[in-house]
C-alpha atoms as a PDB file:
ATOM      1  CA  UNK A   1     -40.778 -57.170-121.524  1.00  0.00           C
ATOM      2  CA  UNK A   2     -37.164 -56.034-121.776  1.00  0.00           C
ATOM      3  CA  UNK A   3     -37.972 -53.276-119.281  1.00  0.00           C
ATOM      4  CA  UNK A   4     -39.327 -55.821-116.765  1.00  0.00           C
ATOM      5  CA  UNK A   5     -36.215 -57.959-117.158  1.00  0.00           C
ATOM      6  CA  UNK A   6     -34.036 -54.907-116.530  1.00  0.00           C
ATOM      7  CA  UNK A   7     -36.015 -54.025-113.376  1.00  0.00           C
ATOM      8  CA  UNK A   8     -35.722 -57.603-112.090  1.00  0.00           C
ATOM      9  CA  UNK A   9     -31.943 -57.589-112.662  1.00  0.00           C
ATOM     10  CA  UNK A  10     -31.688 -54.266-110.835  1.00  0.00           C
ATOM     11  CA  UNK A  11     -33.653 -55.659-107.867  1.00  0.00           C
ATOM     12  CA  UNK A  12     -31.611 -58.859-107.722  1.00  0.00           C
ATOM     13  CA  UNK A  13     -28.312 -56.969-107.710  1.00  0.00           C
ATOM     14  CA  UNK A  14     -25.397 -59.411-107.582  1.00  0.00           C
ATOM     15  CA  UNK A  15     -27.667 -62.499-107.454  1.00  0.00           C
ATOM     16  CA  UNK A  16     -28.283 -64.470-110.625  1.00  0.00           C
ATOM     17  CA  UNK A  17     -31.887 -65.299-109.832  1.00  0.00           C
ATOM     18  CA  UNK A  18     -34.494 -65.232-107.078  1.00  0.00           C
ATOM     19  CA  UNK A  19     -33.494 -68.698-105.804  1.00  0.00           C
ATOM     20  CA  UNK A  20     -29.937 -67.499-105.163  1.00  0.00           C
ATOM     21  CA  UNK A  21     -31.313 -64.436-103.376  1.00  0.00           C
ATOM     22  CA  UNK A  22     -33.613 -66.568-101.188  1.00  0.00           C
ATOM     23  CA  UNK A  23     -30.747 -68.937-100.346  1.00  0.00           C
ATOM     24  CA  UNK A  24     -28.459 -66.057 -99.369  1.00  0.00           C
ATOM     25  CA  UNK A  25     -31.236 -64.552 -97.236  1.00  0.00           C
ATOM     26  CA  UNK A  26     -31.757 -67.865 -95.399  1.00  0.00           C
ATOM     27  CA  UNK A  27     -28.016 -68.178 -94.740  1.00  0.00           C
ATOM     28  CA  UNK A  28     -27.964 -64.641 -93.434  1.00  0.00           C
ATOM     29  CA  UNK A  29     -30.883 -65.402 -91.093  1.00  0.00           C
ATOM     30  CA  UNK A  30     -29.053 -68.486 -89.761  1.00  0.00           C
ATOM     31  CA  UNK A  31     -25.883 -66.505 -89.104  1.00  0.00           C
ATOM     32  CA  UNK A  32     -27.812 -63.731 -87.413  1.00  0.00           C
ATOM     33  CA  UNK A  33     -29.581 -66.294 -85.237  1.00  0.00           C
ATOM     34  CA  UNK A  34     -26.238 -67.876 -84.225  1.00  0.00           C
ATOM     35  CA  UNK A  35     -24.801 -64.473 -83.344  1.00  0.00           C
ATOM     36  CA  UNK A  36     -27.868 -63.541 -81.317  1.00  0.00           C
ATOM     37  CA  UNK A  37     -27.570 -66.818 -79.367  1.00  0.00           C
ATOM     38  CA  UNK A  38     -23.901 -66.104 -78.662  1.00  0.00           C
ATOM     39  CA  UNK A  39     -24.708 -62.588 -77.485  1.00  0.00           C
ATOM     40  CA  UNK A  40     -27.487 -63.960 -75.277  1.00  0.00           C
ATOM     41  CA  UNK A  41     -25.064 -66.479 -73.728  1.00  0.00           C
ATOM     42  CA  UNK A  42     -22.569 -63.694 -72.933  1.00  0.00           C
ATOM     43  CA  UNK A  43     -25.325 -61.516 -71.496  1.00  0.00           C
ATOM     44  CA  UNK A  44     -26.594 -64.399 -69.304  1.00  0.00           C
ATOM     45  CA  UNK A  45     -23.081 -65.120 -68.044  1.00  0.00           C
ATOM     46  CA  UNK A  46     -22.569 -61.429 -67.253  1.00  0.00           C
ATOM     47  CA  UNK A  47     -25.903 -61.292 -65.428  1.00  0.00           C
ATOM     48  CA  UNK A  48     -24.932 -64.351 -63.373  1.00  0.00           C
ATOM     49  CA  UNK A  49     -21.570 -62.756 -62.460  1.00  0.00           C
ATOM     50  CA  UNK A  50     -23.301 -59.555 -61.432  1.00  0.00           C
ATOM     51  CA  UNK A  51     -25.833 -61.456 -59.319  1.00  0.00           C
ATOM     52  CA  UNK A  52     -23.073 -63.405 -57.585  1.00  0.00           C
ATOM     53  CA  UNK A  53     -21.131 -60.204 -56.939  1.00  0.00           C
ATOM     54  CA  UNK A  54     -24.264 -58.514 -55.630  1.00  0.00           C
ATOM     55  CA  UNK A  55     -25.133 -61.424 -53.313  1.00  0.00           C
ATOM     56  CA  UNK A  56     -21.533 -61.588 -52.000  1.00  0.00           C
ATOM     57  CA  UNK A  57     -21.636 -57.842 -51.316  1.00  0.00           C
ATOM     58  CA  UNK A  58     -24.968 -58.191 -49.491  1.00  0.00           C
ATOM     59  CA  UNK A  59     -23.561 -61.076 -47.461  1.00  0.00           C
ATOM     60  CA  UNK A  60     -20.493 -59.007 -46.584  1.00  0.00           C
ATOM     61  CA  UNK A  61     -22.613 -56.050 -45.463  1.00  0.00           C
ATOM     62  CA  UNK A  62     -24.806 -58.308 -43.343  1.00  0.00           C
ATOM     63  CA  UNK A  63     -21.820 -60.046 -41.740  1.00  0.00           C
ATOM     64  CA  UNK A  64     -19.810 -56.890 -41.122  1.00  0.00           C
ATOM     65  CA  UNK A  65     -22.513 -55.572 -38.807  1.00  0.00           C
ATOM     66  CA  UNK A  66     -22.578 -58.738 -36.671  1.00  0.00           C
ATOM     67  CA  UNK A  67     -19.702 -58.797 -34.166  1.00  0.00           C
ATOM     68  CA  UNK A  68     -20.474 -62.351 -33.033  1.00  0.00           C
ATOM     69  CA  UNK A  69     -20.358 -63.637 -36.605  1.00  0.00           C
ATOM     70  CA  UNK A  70     -17.106 -61.796 -37.312  1.00  0.00           C
ATOM     71  CA  UNK A  71     -15.528 -63.344 -34.188  1.00  0.00           C
ATOM     72  CA  UNK A  72     -16.700 -66.806 -35.258  1.00  0.00           C
ATOM     73  CA  UNK A  73     -15.301 -66.403 -38.786  1.00  0.00           C
ATOM     74  CA  UNK A  74     -11.967 -65.135 -37.436  1.00  0.00           C
ATOM     75  CA  UNK A  75     -11.797 -67.986 -34.934  1.00  0.00           C
ATOM     76  CA  UNK A  76     -12.418 -70.583 -37.641  1.00  0.00           C
ATOM     77  CA  UNK A  77      -9.834 -68.944 -39.891  1.00  0.00           C
ATOM     78  CA  UNK A  78      -7.207 -69.019 -37.143  1.00  0.00           C
ATOM     79  CA  UNK A  79      -7.929 -72.691 -36.406  1.00  0.00           C
ATOM     80  CA  UNK A  80      -7.445 -73.553 -40.091  1.00  0.00           C
ATOM     81  CA  UNK A  81      -4.235 -71.512 -40.446  1.00  0.00           C
ATOM     82  CA  UNK A  82      -2.194 -72.431 -37.389  1.00  0.00           C
ATOM     83  CA  UNK A  83       1.399 -71.275 -37.494  1.00  0.00           C
ATOM     84  CA  UNK A  84       0.731 -68.501 -39.984  1.00  0.00           C
ATOM     85  CA  UNK A  85       2.074 -65.222 -38.580  1.00  0.00           C
ATOM     86  CA  UNK A  86      -0.616 -62.559 -38.590  1.00  0.00           C
ATOM     87  CA  UNK A  87       0.202 -59.018 -39.579  1.00  0.00           C
ATOM     88  CA  UNK A  88      -1.968 -56.477 -37.826  1.00  0.00           C
ATOM     89  CA  UNK A  89       0.184 -53.529 -38.914  1.00  0.00           C
ATOM     90  CA  UNK A  90       2.995 -53.035 -41.371  1.00  0.00           C
ATOM     91  CA  UNK A  91       6.285 -54.834 -40.911  1.00  0.00           C
ATOM     92  CA  UNK A  92       7.607 -58.329 -41.246  1.00  0.00           C
ATOM     93  CA  UNK A  93       6.438 -61.384 -39.384  1.00  0.00           C
ATOM     94  CA  UNK A  94       8.818 -63.127 -37.013  1.00  0.00           C
ATOM     95  CA  UNK A  95       8.806 -66.869 -36.711  1.00  0.00           C
ATOM     96  CA  UNK A  96      10.861 -68.820 -34.162  1.00  0.00           C
ATOM     97  CA  UNK A  97      13.826 -70.741 -35.516  1.00  0.00           C
ATOM     98  CA  UNK A  98      13.468 -74.513 -35.349  1.00  0.00           C
ATOM     99  CA  UNK A  99      16.485 -74.789 -33.005  1.00  0.00           C
ATOM    100  CA  UNK A 100      16.254 -74.003 -29.316  1.00  0.00           C
ATOM    101  CA  UNK A 101      19.222 -72.537 -27.523  1.00  0.00           C
ATOM    102  CA  UNK A 102      20.626 -74.500 -24.587  1.00  0.00           C
ATOM    103  CA  UNK A 103      22.764 -71.648 -23.308  1.00  0.00           C
ATOM    104  CA  UNK A 104      23.130 -67.862 -23.496  1.00  0.00           C
ATOM    105  CA  UNK A 105      25.994 -68.269 -25.968  1.00  0.00           C
ATOM    106  CA  UNK A 106      23.808 -70.359 -28.301  1.00  0.00           C
ATOM    107  CA  UNK A 107      20.944 -67.869 -27.905  1.00  0.00           C
ATOM    108  CA  UNK A 108      23.294 -65.032 -28.840  1.00  0.00           C
ATOM    109  CA  UNK A 109      24.531 -66.894 -31.913  1.00  0.00           C
ATOM    110  CA  UNK A 110      20.976 -67.689 -33.010  1.00  0.00           C
ATOM    111  CA  UNK A 111      19.936 -64.059 -32.551  1.00  0.00           C
ATOM    112  CA  UNK A 112      22.958 -62.762 -34.492  1.00  0.00           C
ATOM    113  CA  UNK A 113      22.289 -65.280 -37.236  1.00  0.00           C
ATOM    114  CA  UNK A 114      18.700 -64.126 -37.428  1.00  0.00           C
ATOM    115  CA  UNK A 115      19.633 -60.440 -37.642  1.00  0.00           C
ATOM    116  CA  UNK A 116      22.279 -61.070 -40.296  1.00  0.00           C
ATOM    117  CA  UNK A 117      19.902 -63.009 -42.565  1.00  0.00           C
ATOM    118  CA  UNK A 118      16.955 -60.632 -42.153  1.00  0.00           C
ATOM    119  CA  UNK A 119      18.683 -57.279 -42.654  1.00  0.00           C
END
């Protein structure tokens, strides 16, 4: 009898009785379930991001081979962004000053003012 009690205490470890062990096991199952749900949510979000990235890449590849579609997209972009200087190579964009010269002297002054402020 004493031997059986000793074996039971050894099996229970730090738990006082079997009820405490069962309760701890149930709490552990709940926590594990919560963590698995969180991991699943992260995995689903990652899958969705990868699918979106993949579909955008496929769309890009399909559009890049269609010259008519590229021209249409560029045309729509330019209509939406009027007045935005486009840079086709390196360098700085030049925009016209809001003032218009009425003489060569005024044009010279405007040009000098431009060069002084942009150098």
